[in-house]
Amino acid sequence: MKEAVLPFHRFRTVDGHGVDPLLGPEMKSTGEVMGFDSSFGAAFAKSQAGAYGSLPRSGRVFVSMADRDKRAMVFPVLRLADLGFEVLATAGTADVLRRHGVAATVVRKHYEGGETIVDRILAGDVDMIINTPYGNSGPRVDGYEIRSAAVSRGVPCITTVQGAAAAVQGIEAMIAGRIGVRSLQDAHAALKKARS
């Protein structure tokens, strides 16, 4: 599993704000890492550890999804809850999750005021974020604040349905203790032996 390394934590806007880690056509990676293992989940977990830091094995996950992604996200979030994660979500996402049997605590969006999810991220109360962008409307600004806070605190931030499913597989592999170290030479020798 290859992962591009993008130095989001190094950049700030002209007025001192953090940057949004959403990928765009103008971005260029500063390198890449490879996670190598016999299972996809273990390889994904290694790639994330090499690029940005390890995925969490427990804690709180914050979920805020674009409407188009809410149904697809139920299973990955349900699996995280089954693994012992506490689920925090915005009101609309929490409603969808609850209808599918996932207990979720509602947190305020950045623009709603009071203690918001951005405040909780910056305070270190969130261990992973799953946030898919909405588009060019107001919620995108809210998503920007959430993802920027994640970058500033070094919290893993997943921005696609596919990335969330991969992260869950990686977390499962980590919890099961299936993450090991093996050199490419050893793996190649084992593959060669299996073919003969």
N, C-alpha and C. Protein backbone atom coordinates (compact mmCIF):
# COMPACT_ATOMS: atom_id res chain seq x y z
N MET A 1 0.85 -1.16 0.00
CA MET A 1 0.00 0.00 0.00
C MET A 1 0.90 1.23 0.00
N LYS A 2 0.80 2.04 -1.04
CA LYS A 2 1.57 3.29 -1.09
C LYS A 2 0.70 4.44 -0.60
N GLU A 3 1.32 5.37 0.08
CA GLU A 3 0.64 6.55 0.58
C GLU A 3 1.49 7.77 0.29
N ALA A 4 0.88 8.78 -0.29
CA ALA A 4 1.58 10.04 -0.54
C ALA A 4 1.76 10.77 0.79
N VAL A 5 2.88 11.43 0.92
CA VAL A 5 3.15 12.22 2.12
C VAL A 5 3.00 13.69 1.73
N LEU A 6 2.06 14.34 2.37
CA LEU A 6 1.79 15.75 2.11
C LEU A 6 2.01 16.51 3.42
N PRO A 7 2.83 17.54 3.40
CA PRO A 7 3.22 18.22 4.64
C PRO A 7 2.21 19.26 5.11
N PHE A 8 0.96 18.87 5.35
CA PHE A 8 -0.09 19.81 5.74
C PHE A 8 0.28 20.59 7.00
N HIS A 9 0.93 19.94 7.94
CA HIS A 9 1.25 20.60 9.22
C HIS A 9 2.25 21.73 9.08
N ARG A 10 2.92 21.83 7.95
CA ARG A 10 3.93 22.87 7.76
C ARG A 10 3.36 24.18 7.21
N PHE A 11 2.15 24.14 6.69
CA PHE A 11 1.63 25.30 5.97
C PHE A 11 0.57 26.04 6.75
N ARG A 12 0.50 27.34 6.49
CA ARG A 12 -0.51 28.23 7.04
C ARG A 12 -0.93 29.19 5.93
N THR A 13 -2.16 29.69 6.04
CA THR A 13 -2.59 30.70 5.09
C THR A 13 -1.90 32.01 5.44
N VAL A 14 -2.06 33.01 4.61
CA VAL A 14 -1.43 34.31 4.83
C VAL A 14 -1.86 34.90 6.17
N ASP A 15 -3.12 34.71 6.55
CA ASP A 15 -3.60 35.26 7.82
C ASP A 15 -3.36 34.34 9.02
N GLY A 16 -2.57 33.27 8.83
CA GLY A 16 -2.16 32.42 9.94
C GLY A 16 -3.03 31.21 10.23
N HIS A 17 -4.08 31.00 9.45
CA HIS A 17 -4.94 29.83 9.65
C HIS A 17 -4.29 28.58 9.09
N GLY A 18 -4.75 27.44 9.59
CA GLY A 18 -4.26 26.16 9.08
C GLY A 18 -4.80 25.88 7.69
N VAL A 19 -4.29 24.84 7.08
CA VAL A 19 -4.72 24.48 5.73
C VAL A 19 -5.67 23.29 5.78
N ASP A 20 -6.48 23.18 4.73
CA ASP A 20 -7.42 22.08 4.60
C ASP A 20 -6.71 20.90 3.95
N PRO A 21 -6.75 19.71 4.56
CA PRO A 21 -6.05 18.57 3.99
C PRO A 21 -6.79 17.88 2.84
N LEU A 22 -7.87 18.48 2.33
CA LEU A 22 -8.52 17.88 1.16
C LEU A 22 -7.58 17.97 -0.02
N LEU A 23 -7.49 16.90 -0.78
CA LEU A 23 -6.60 16.89 -1.92
C LEU A 23 -7.22 17.64 -3.08
N GLY A 24 -6.39 18.34 -3.80
CA GLY A 24 -6.81 19.07 -4.98
C GLY A 24 -5.78 18.92 -6.07
N PRO A 25 -6.08 19.36 -7.28
CA PRO A 25 -5.15 19.16 -8.39
C PRO A 25 -3.84 19.93 -8.27
N GLU A 26 -3.82 20.97 -7.43
CA GLU A 26 -2.61 21.77 -7.31
C GLU A 26 -1.63 21.21 -6.29
N MET A 27 -2.01 20.19 -5.54
CA MET A 27 -1.15 19.67 -4.49
C MET A 27 -0.08 18.74 -5.04
N LYS A 28 1.05 18.78 -4.41
CA LYS A 28 2.15 17.89 -4.77
C LYS A 28 2.69 17.25 -3.51
N SER A 29 2.93 15.96 -3.60
CA SER A 29 3.44 15.27 -2.42
C SER A 29 4.93 15.56 -2.27
N THR A 30 5.41 15.40 -1.05
CA THR A 30 6.83 15.59 -0.78
C THR A 30 7.53 14.26 -0.65
N GLY A 31 6.81 13.20 -0.97
CA GLY A 31 7.37 11.87 -0.91
C GLY A 31 6.26 10.86 -0.77
N GLU A 32 6.64 9.63 -0.55
CA GLU A 32 5.65 8.59 -0.34
C GLU A 32 6.25 7.50 0.53
N VAL A 33 5.36 6.74 1.15
CA VAL A 33 5.76 5.62 1.97
C VAL A 33 5.02 4.38 1.48
N MET A 34 5.50 3.23 1.93
CA MET A 34 4.84 1.98 1.54
C MET A 34 4.61 1.14 2.79
N GLY A 35 3.40 0.64 2.91
CA GLY A 35 3.08 -0.33 3.95
C GLY A 35 2.98 -1.69 3.29
N PHE A 36 3.76 -2.64 3.75
CA PHE A 36 3.84 -3.96 3.13
C PHE A 36 3.43 -5.01 4.14
N ASP A 37 2.42 -5.83 3.79
CA ASP A 37 2.01 -6.91 4.68
C ASP A 37 1.17 -7.89 3.87
N SER A 38 0.81 -9.00 4.48
CA SER A 38 0.05 -10.02 3.77
C SER A 38 -1.44 -9.71 3.70
N SER A 39 -1.94 -8.79 4.51
CA SER A 39 -3.35 -8.40 4.45
C SER A 39 -3.47 -6.91 4.15
N PHE A 40 -4.58 -6.56 3.52
CA PHE A 40 -4.80 -5.16 3.16
C PHE A 40 -4.82 -4.26 4.40
N GLY A 41 -5.57 -4.68 5.44
CA GLY A 41 -5.69 -3.86 6.64
C GLY A 41 -4.36 -3.56 7.29
N ALA A 42 -3.53 -4.57 7.42
CA ALA A 42 -2.21 -4.38 8.04
C ALA A 42 -1.34 -3.48 7.18
N ALA A 43 -1.39 -3.67 5.86
CA ALA A 43 -0.60 -2.83 4.96
C ALA A 43 -1.08 -1.38 5.02
N PHE A 44 -2.40 -1.17 5.09
CA PHE A 44 -2.93 0.19 5.17
C PHE A 44 -2.49 0.85 6.48
N ALA A 45 -2.60 0.12 7.59
CA ALA A 45 -2.20 0.67 8.89
C ALA A 45 -0.73 1.09 8.87
N LYS A 46 0.11 0.27 8.26
CA LYS A 46 1.55 0.61 8.17
C LYS A 46 1.77 1.85 7.31
N SER A 47 1.03 1.96 6.21
CA SER A 47 1.21 3.12 5.34
C SER A 47 0.82 4.41 6.06
N GLN A 48 -0.24 4.35 6.85
CA GLN A 48 -0.66 5.53 7.60
C GLN A 48 0.35 5.90 8.68
N ALA A 49 0.87 4.88 9.36
CA ALA A 49 1.88 5.13 10.40
C ALA A 49 3.12 5.78 9.79
N GLY A 50 3.49 5.34 8.60
CA GLY A 50 4.67 5.89 7.95
C GLY A 50 4.47 7.30 7.42
N ALA A 51 3.25 7.61 7.02
CA ALA A 51 3.00 8.92 6.41
C ALA A 51 2.59 9.98 7.42
N TYR A 52 1.67 9.64 8.31
CA TYR A 52 1.08 10.68 9.17
C TYR A 52 1.03 10.34 10.64
N GLY A 53 1.28 9.12 11.02
CA GLY A 53 1.14 8.70 12.41
C GLY A 53 0.11 7.59 12.48
N SER A 54 0.20 6.80 13.50
CA SER A 54 -0.64 5.61 13.62
C SER A 54 -2.13 5.94 13.75
N LEU A 55 -2.93 5.03 13.23
CA LEU A 55 -4.37 5.09 13.48
C LEU A 55 -4.60 4.75 14.94
N PRO A 56 -5.68 5.26 15.54
CA PRO A 56 -5.94 4.94 16.95
C PRO A 56 -6.50 3.53 17.10
N ARG A 57 -6.24 2.92 18.24
CA ARG A 57 -6.81 1.60 18.55
C ARG A 57 -8.06 1.74 19.40
N SER A 58 -8.29 2.92 19.95
CA SER A 58 -9.45 3.17 20.81
C SER A 58 -9.67 4.67 20.91
N GLY A 59 -10.73 5.06 21.59
CA GLY A 59 -10.98 6.48 21.83
C GLY A 59 -12.26 6.97 21.20
N ARG A 60 -12.22 8.24 20.77
CA ARG A 60 -13.40 8.88 20.19
C ARG A 60 -13.17 9.14 18.70
N VAL A 61 -14.19 8.81 17.92
CA VAL A 61 -14.17 9.12 16.50
C VAL A 61 -15.29 10.11 16.23
N PHE A 62 -14.97 11.19 15.52
CA PHE A 62 -15.97 12.17 15.13
C PHE A 62 -16.35 11.91 13.68
N VAL A 63 -17.66 11.91 13.40
CA VAL A 63 -18.16 11.62 12.06
C VAL A 63 -19.09 12.74 11.61
N SER A 64 -18.81 13.29 10.44
CA SER A 64 -19.70 14.27 9.80
C SER A 64 -19.63 14.02 8.31
N MET A 65 -20.76 13.62 7.75
CA MET A 65 -20.77 13.16 6.36
C MET A 65 -21.66 14.02 5.48
N ALA A 66 -21.25 14.15 4.23
CA ALA A 66 -22.13 14.73 3.22
C ALA A 66 -23.32 13.79 3.06
N ASP A 67 -24.48 14.33 2.73
CA ASP A 67 -25.69 13.51 2.60
C ASP A 67 -25.46 12.31 1.68
N ARG A 68 -24.75 12.50 0.60
CA ARG A 68 -24.54 11.42 -0.37
C ARG A 68 -23.75 10.25 0.21
N ASP A 69 -23.02 10.47 1.30
CA ASP A 69 -22.17 9.43 1.89
C ASP A 69 -22.74 8.78 3.15
N LYS A 70 -23.82 9.30 3.67
CA LYS A 70 -24.28 8.85 4.99
C LYS A 70 -24.63 7.37 5.04
N ARG A 71 -25.34 6.86 4.08
CA ARG A 71 -25.72 5.44 4.11
C ARG A 71 -24.49 4.54 3.97
N ALA A 72 -23.55 4.93 3.12
CA ALA A 72 -22.36 4.11 2.91
C ALA A 72 -21.45 4.09 4.14
N MET A 73 -21.59 5.08 5.00
CA MET A 73 -20.71 5.16 6.16
C MET A 73 -21.23 4.39 7.37
N VAL A 74 -22.46 3.91 7.31
CA VAL A 74 -23.04 3.25 8.48
C VAL A 74 -22.19 2.05 8.90
N PHE A 75 -21.86 1.16 7.97
CA PHE A 75 -21.12 -0.04 8.37
C PHE A 75 -19.75 0.27 8.96
N PRO A 76 -18.91 1.10 8.30
CA PRO A 76 -17.60 1.39 8.93
C PRO A 76 -17.73 2.00 10.33
N VAL A 77 -18.69 2.91 10.51
CA VAL A 77 -18.85 3.54 11.82
C VAL A 77 -19.41 2.54 12.83
N LEU A 78 -20.33 1.69 12.40
CA LEU A 78 -20.84 0.63 13.28
C LEU A 78 -19.71 -0.28 13.73
N ARG A 79 -18.82 -0.61 12.81
CA ARG A 79 -17.69 -1.47 13.16
C ARG A 79 -16.77 -0.79 14.17
N LEU A 80 -16.54 0.52 14.01
CA LEU A 80 -15.73 1.25 14.99
C LEU A 80 -16.40 1.22 16.36
N ALA A 81 -17.72 1.40 16.39
CA ALA A 81 -18.44 1.33 17.67
C ALA A 81 -18.31 -0.06 18.28
N ASP A 82 -18.41 -1.10 17.44
CA ASP A 82 -18.23 -2.47 17.93
C ASP A 82 -16.83 -2.71 18.50
N LEU A 83 -15.85 -1.99 17.96
CA LEU A 83 -14.47 -2.12 18.44
C LEU A 83 -14.23 -1.30 19.72
N GLY A 84 -15.26 -0.58 20.18
CA GLY A 84 -15.15 0.15 21.43
C GLY A 84 -14.97 1.66 21.30
N PHE A 85 -15.01 2.18 20.09
CA PHE A 85 -14.87 3.62 19.92
C PHE A 85 -16.16 4.32 20.33
N GLU A 86 -16.03 5.48 20.96
CA GLU A 86 -17.17 6.35 21.22
C GLU A 86 -17.38 7.17 19.95
N VAL A 87 -18.61 7.27 19.49
CA VAL A 87 -18.91 7.97 18.25
C VAL A 87 -19.52 9.33 18.57
N LEU A 88 -18.88 10.37 18.06
CA LEU A 88 -19.41 11.74 18.11
C LEU A 88 -19.83 12.09 16.69
N ALA A 89 -20.93 12.82 16.53
CA ALA A 89 -21.39 13.15 15.18
C ALA A 89 -22.19 14.44 15.20
N THR A 90 -22.26 15.07 14.05
CA THR A 90 -23.14 16.22 13.88
C THR A 90 -24.58 15.70 13.87
N ALA A 91 -25.56 16.57 14.06
CA ALA A 91 -26.95 16.15 14.24
C ALA A 91 -27.47 15.29 13.09
N GLY A 92 -27.29 15.72 11.86
CA GLY A 92 -27.80 14.96 10.72
C GLY A 92 -27.14 13.59 10.59
N THR A 93 -25.85 13.53 10.77
CA THR A 93 -25.13 12.25 10.69
C THR A 93 -25.54 11.36 11.85
N ALA A 94 -25.68 11.93 13.05
CA ALA A 94 -26.09 11.14 14.22
C ALA A 94 -27.46 10.53 14.02
N ASP A 95 -28.39 11.26 13.40
CA ASP A 95 -29.73 10.72 13.14
C ASP A 95 -29.64 9.48 12.26
N VAL A 96 -28.87 9.54 11.20
CA VAL A 96 -28.73 8.40 10.29
C VAL A 96 -28.08 7.23 11.03
N LEU A 97 -27.03 7.50 11.78
CA LEU A 97 -26.35 6.43 12.51
C LEU A 97 -27.28 5.77 13.53
N ARG A 98 -28.03 6.57 14.27
CA ARG A 98 -28.95 6.02 15.28
C ARG A 98 -30.03 5.15 14.65
N ARG A 99 -30.54 5.55 13.49
CA ARG A 99 -31.55 4.74 12.79
C ARG A 99 -31.01 3.37 12.41
N HIS A 100 -29.68 3.26 12.31
CA HIS A 100 -29.05 1.99 11.94
C HIS A 100 -28.36 1.32 13.13
N GLY A 101 -28.74 1.74 14.34
CA GLY A 101 -28.26 1.05 15.54
C GLY A 101 -26.92 1.49 16.08
N VAL A 102 -26.42 2.63 15.64
CA VAL A 102 -25.14 3.13 16.14
C VAL A 102 -25.40 4.26 17.14
N ALA A 103 -24.98 4.08 18.37
CA ALA A 103 -25.12 5.14 19.36
C ALA A 103 -24.13 6.26 19.03
N ALA A 104 -24.64 7.48 18.95
CA ALA A 104 -23.78 8.62 18.62
C ALA A 104 -24.16 9.82 19.47
N THR A 105 -23.15 10.49 20.00
CA THR A 105 -23.34 11.70 20.77
C THR A 105 -23.28 12.89 19.82
N VAL A 106 -24.29 13.75 19.87
CA VAL A 106 -24.34 14.92 18.98
C VAL A 106 -23.41 16.00 19.51
N VAL A 107 -22.61 16.55 18.60
CA VAL A 107 -21.75 17.69 18.91
C VAL A 107 -22.09 18.83 17.96
N ARG A 108 -21.83 20.04 18.39
CA ARG A 108 -22.15 21.22 17.58
C ARG A 108 -21.14 21.42 16.46
N LYS A 109 -21.65 21.90 15.34
CA LYS A 109 -20.78 22.29 14.24
C LYS A 109 -20.09 23.60 14.61
N HIS A 110 -19.02 23.89 13.90
CA HIS A 110 -18.23 25.09 14.20
C HIS A 110 -19.07 26.36 14.13
N TYR A 111 -19.91 26.48 13.13
CA TYR A 111 -20.67 27.72 12.95
C TYR A 111 -21.87 27.83 13.91
N GLU A 112 -22.18 26.77 14.69
CA GLU A 112 -23.31 26.82 15.61
C GLU A 112 -22.99 27.49 16.94
N GLY A 113 -21.72 27.72 17.22
CA GLY A 113 -21.34 28.40 18.45
C GLY A 113 -21.37 27.50 19.67
N GLY A 114 -21.05 28.07 20.84
CA GLY A 114 -20.94 27.27 22.06
C GLY A 114 -19.71 26.37 21.95
N GLU A 115 -19.69 25.27 22.72
CA GLU A 115 -18.58 24.32 22.58
C GLU A 115 -18.83 23.49 21.33
N THR A 116 -17.94 23.60 20.37
CA THR A 116 -18.11 22.95 19.08
C THR A 116 -17.14 21.79 18.93
N ILE A 117 -17.32 21.06 17.85
CA ILE A 117 -16.40 19.95 17.57
C ILE A 117 -14.98 20.47 17.36
N VAL A 118 -14.82 21.64 16.78
CA VAL A 118 -13.48 22.20 16.59
C VAL A 118 -12.81 22.42 17.95
N ASP A 119 -13.58 22.94 18.91
CA ASP A 119 -13.03 23.12 20.26
C ASP A 119 -12.59 21.78 20.86
N ARG A 120 -13.39 20.75 20.65
CA ARG A 120 -13.06 19.43 21.21
C ARG A 120 -11.84 18.82 20.52
N ILE A 121 -11.71 19.03 19.22
CA ILE A 121 -10.53 18.53 18.51
C ILE A 121 -9.28 19.23 19.03
N LEU A 122 -9.36 20.56 19.12
CA LEU A 122 -8.20 21.34 19.58
C LEU A 122 -7.84 21.03 21.03
N ALA A 123 -8.83 20.60 21.83
CA ALA A 123 -8.58 20.23 23.23
C ALA A 123 -8.02 18.82 23.37
N GLY A 124 -7.93 18.07 22.26
CA GLY A 124 -7.40 16.72 22.31
C GLY A 124 -8.42 15.66 22.68
N ASP A 125 -9.72 15.97 22.55
CA ASP A 125 -10.79 15.04 22.92
C ASP A 125 -11.19 14.08 21.80
N VAL A 126 -10.60 14.20 20.62
CA VAL A 126 -10.99 13.38 19.48
C VAL A 126 -9.75 12.65 18.96
N ASP A 127 -9.91 11.34 18.70
CA ASP A 127 -8.77 10.52 18.27
C ASP A 127 -8.74 10.23 16.78
N MET A 128 -9.88 10.38 16.09
CA MET A 128 -9.93 10.20 14.64
C MET A 128 -11.15 10.94 14.11
N ILE A 129 -11.03 11.43 12.89
CA ILE A 129 -12.11 12.19 12.26
C ILE A 129 -12.43 11.56 10.92
N ILE A 130 -13.74 11.40 10.67
CA ILE A 130 -14.22 11.00 9.35
C ILE A 130 -15.13 12.12 8.88
N ASN A 131 -14.69 12.85 7.86
CA ASN A 131 -15.42 14.04 7.41
C ASN A 131 -15.35 14.13 5.89
N THR A 132 -16.48 13.90 5.23
CA THR A 132 -16.49 14.04 3.78
C THR A 132 -17.00 15.43 3.43
N PRO A 133 -16.40 16.07 2.43
CA PRO A 133 -16.77 17.44 2.08
C PRO A 133 -18.15 17.52 1.45
N TYR A 134 -18.81 18.65 1.64
CA TYR A 134 -20.16 18.87 1.15
C TYR A 134 -20.20 19.53 -0.22
N GLY A 135 -19.26 20.38 -0.54
CA GLY A 135 -19.32 21.17 -1.76
C GLY A 135 -18.93 22.60 -1.44
N ASN A 136 -19.54 23.54 -2.10
CA ASN A 136 -19.15 24.94 -1.95
C ASN A 136 -20.06 25.74 -1.04
N SER A 137 -20.93 25.10 -0.28
CA SER A 137 -21.86 25.82 0.58
C SER A 137 -21.26 26.02 1.97
N GLY A 138 -22.07 26.55 2.89
CA GLY A 138 -21.63 26.82 4.26
C GLY A 138 -21.00 25.64 4.96
N PRO A 139 -21.59 24.43 4.87
CA PRO A 139 -20.98 23.30 5.57
C PRO A 139 -19.55 23.01 5.14
N ARG A 140 -19.18 23.38 3.90
CA ARG A 140 -17.80 23.16 3.48
C ARG A 140 -16.86 24.01 4.34
N VAL A 141 -17.29 25.22 4.68
CA VAL A 141 -16.48 26.07 5.56
C VAL A 141 -16.34 25.39 6.92
N ASP A 142 -17.43 24.81 7.42
CA ASP A 142 -17.38 24.09 8.68
C ASP A 142 -16.40 22.91 8.57
N GLY A 143 -16.48 22.18 7.46
CA GLY A 143 -15.57 21.06 7.23
C GLY A 143 -14.13 21.52 7.19
N TYR A 144 -13.89 22.66 6.58
CA TYR A 144 -12.53 23.22 6.53
C TYR A 144 -12.00 23.43 7.94
N GLU A 145 -12.81 24.00 8.81
CA GLU A 145 -12.38 24.26 10.19
C GLU A 145 -12.09 22.95 10.93
N ILE A 146 -12.92 21.94 10.69
CA ILE A 146 -12.73 20.64 11.33
C ILE A 146 -11.42 20.01 10.85
N ARG A 147 -11.23 19.96 9.54
CA ARG A 147 -10.04 19.32 8.99
C ARG A 147 -8.77 20.09 9.32
N SER A 148 -8.85 21.41 9.35
CA SER A 148 -7.70 22.23 9.73
C SER A 148 -7.32 22.00 11.18
N ALA A 149 -8.31 21.86 12.06
CA ALA A 149 -8.04 21.56 13.48
C ALA A 149 -7.38 20.19 13.60
N ALA A 150 -7.84 19.24 12.78
CA ALA A 150 -7.24 17.90 12.80
C ALA A 150 -5.76 17.96 12.45
N VAL A 151 -5.42 18.73 11.42
CA VAL A 151 -4.02 18.88 11.02
C VAL A 151 -3.22 19.49 12.15
N SER A 152 -3.75 20.55 12.77
CA SER A 152 -2.97 21.23 13.81
C SER A 152 -2.75 20.34 15.03
N ARG A 153 -3.68 19.41 15.32
CA ARG A 153 -3.53 18.51 16.47
C ARG A 153 -2.91 17.16 16.11
N GLY A 154 -2.70 16.90 14.81
CA GLY A 154 -2.14 15.62 14.39
C GLY A 154 -3.11 14.47 14.52
N VAL A 155 -4.40 14.75 14.36
CA VAL A 155 -5.45 13.72 14.47
C VAL A 155 -5.70 13.14 13.08
N PRO A 156 -5.71 11.80 12.93
CA PRO A 156 -6.02 11.21 11.63
C PRO A 156 -7.37 11.71 11.12
N CYS A 157 -7.40 12.15 9.87
CA CYS A 157 -8.60 12.72 9.28
C CYS A 157 -8.88 12.02 7.96
N ILE A 158 -9.97 11.27 7.90
CA ILE A 158 -10.35 10.51 6.72
C ILE A 158 -11.41 11.31 5.97
N THR A 159 -11.26 11.49 4.65
CA THR A 159 -12.18 12.35 3.91
C THR A 159 -12.96 11.63 2.81
N THR A 160 -12.89 10.30 2.76
CA THR A 160 -13.66 9.55 1.76
C THR A 160 -14.26 8.30 2.40
N VAL A 161 -15.32 7.80 1.79
CA VAL A 161 -15.94 6.56 2.25
C VAL A 161 -14.95 5.41 2.15
N GLN A 162 -14.22 5.34 1.04
CA GLN A 162 -13.25 4.27 0.84
C GLN A 162 -12.12 4.35 1.87
N GLY A 163 -11.69 5.55 2.19
CA GLY A 163 -10.65 5.72 3.19
C GLY A 163 -11.11 5.28 4.57
N ALA A 164 -12.38 5.54 4.89
CA ALA A 164 -12.92 5.12 6.18
C ALA A 164 -12.95 3.59 6.28
N ALA A 165 -13.39 2.93 5.21
CA ALA A 165 -13.42 1.46 5.21
C ALA A 165 -12.02 0.90 5.37
N ALA A 166 -11.04 1.49 4.69
CA ALA A 166 -9.65 1.04 4.79
C ALA A 166 -9.11 1.27 6.20
N ALA A 167 -9.44 2.42 6.79
CA ALA A 167 -8.98 2.72 8.15
C ALA A 167 -9.53 1.71 9.14
N VAL A 168 -10.80 1.33 8.97
CA VAL A 168 -11.39 0.33 9.87
C VAL A 168 -10.64 -0.99 9.75
N GLN A 169 -10.32 -1.40 8.53
CA GLN A 169 -9.56 -2.64 8.36
C GLN A 169 -8.18 -2.53 9.00
N GLY A 170 -7.56 -1.36 8.89
CA GLY A 170 -6.26 -1.14 9.52
C GLY A 170 -6.34 -1.21 11.03
N ILE A 171 -7.38 -0.60 11.61
CA ILE A 171 -7.56 -0.62 13.06
C ILE A 171 -7.82 -2.04 13.54
N GLU A 172 -8.65 -2.79 12.79
CA GLU A 172 -8.91 -4.18 13.15
C GLU A 172 -7.61 -5.00 13.17
N ALA A 173 -6.76 -4.78 12.17
CA ALA A 173 -5.48 -5.51 12.11
C ALA A 173 -4.59 -5.13 13.30
N MET A 174 -4.58 -3.86 13.66
CA MET A 174 -3.76 -3.42 14.80
C MET A 174 -4.27 -4.02 16.10
N ILE A 175 -5.59 -4.00 16.31
CA ILE A 175 -6.17 -4.54 17.54
C ILE A 175 -5.92 -6.04 17.64
N ALA A 176 -5.99 -6.73 16.50
CA ALA A 176 -5.77 -8.19 16.48
C ALA A 176 -4.30 -8.56 16.60
N GLY A 177 -3.41 -7.56 16.56
CA GLY A 177 -1.98 -7.83 16.68
C GLY A 177 -1.38 -8.43 15.42
N ARG A 178 -2.00 -8.14 14.27
CA ARG A 178 -1.51 -8.71 13.01
C ARG A 178 -0.52 -7.81 12.29
N ILE A 179 0.04 -6.85 12.99
CA ILE A 179 1.03 -5.96 12.39
C ILE A 179 2.40 -6.49 12.75
N GLY A 180 3.16 -6.87 11.75
CA GLY A 180 4.50 -7.39 11.99
C GLY A 180 5.50 -6.72 11.08
N VAL A 181 6.75 -7.08 11.26
CA VAL A 181 7.83 -6.53 10.45
C VAL A 181 8.44 -7.66 9.63
N ARG A 182 8.62 -7.40 8.36
CA ARG A 182 9.22 -8.40 7.46
C ARG A 182 9.92 -7.63 6.35
N SER A 183 11.13 -8.02 6.05
CA SER A 183 11.86 -7.32 4.99
C SER A 183 11.32 -7.74 3.62
N LEU A 184 11.51 -6.90 2.64
CA LEU A 184 11.10 -7.22 1.28
C LEU A 184 11.83 -8.47 0.78
N GLN A 185 13.09 -8.62 1.18
CA GLN A 185 13.86 -9.79 0.77
C GLN A 185 13.23 -11.08 1.30
N ASP A 186 12.83 -11.08 2.57
CA ASP A 186 12.18 -12.25 3.16
C ASP A 186 10.85 -12.54 2.47
N ALA A 187 10.08 -11.51 2.19
CA ALA A 187 8.79 -11.69 1.52
C ALA A 187 8.99 -12.25 0.12
N HIS A 188 9.98 -11.73 -0.57
CA HIS A 188 10.28 -12.21 -1.93
C HIS A 188 10.71 -13.68 -1.89
N ALA A 189 11.55 -14.03 -0.94
CA ALA A 189 12.01 -15.43 -0.82
C ALA A 189 10.84 -16.36 -0.52
N ALA A 190 9.93 -15.94 0.33
CA ALA A 190 8.76 -16.76 0.66
C ALA A 190 7.85 -16.92 -0.55
N LEU A 191 7.67 -15.85 -1.32
CA LEU A 191 6.86 -15.91 -2.53
C LEU A 191 7.48 -16.83 -3.56
N LYS A 192 8.79 -16.73 -3.70
CA LYS A 192 9.51 -17.58 -4.65
C LYS A 192 9.38 -19.05 -4.26
N LYS A 193 9.50 -19.31 -2.96
CA LYS A 193 9.39 -20.69 -2.46
C LYS A 193 7.98 -21.24 -2.69
N ALA A 194 6.96 -20.39 -2.47
CA ALA A 194 5.58 -20.81 -2.65
C ALA A 194 5.27 -21.12 -4.11
N ARG A 195 5.91 -20.45 -5.03
CA ARG A 195 5.70 -20.68 -6.46
C ARG A 195 6.37 -21.95 -6.96
N SER A 196 7.42 -22.41 -6.26
CA SER A 196 8.15 -23.59 -6.74
C SER A 196 7.63 -24.88 -6.18
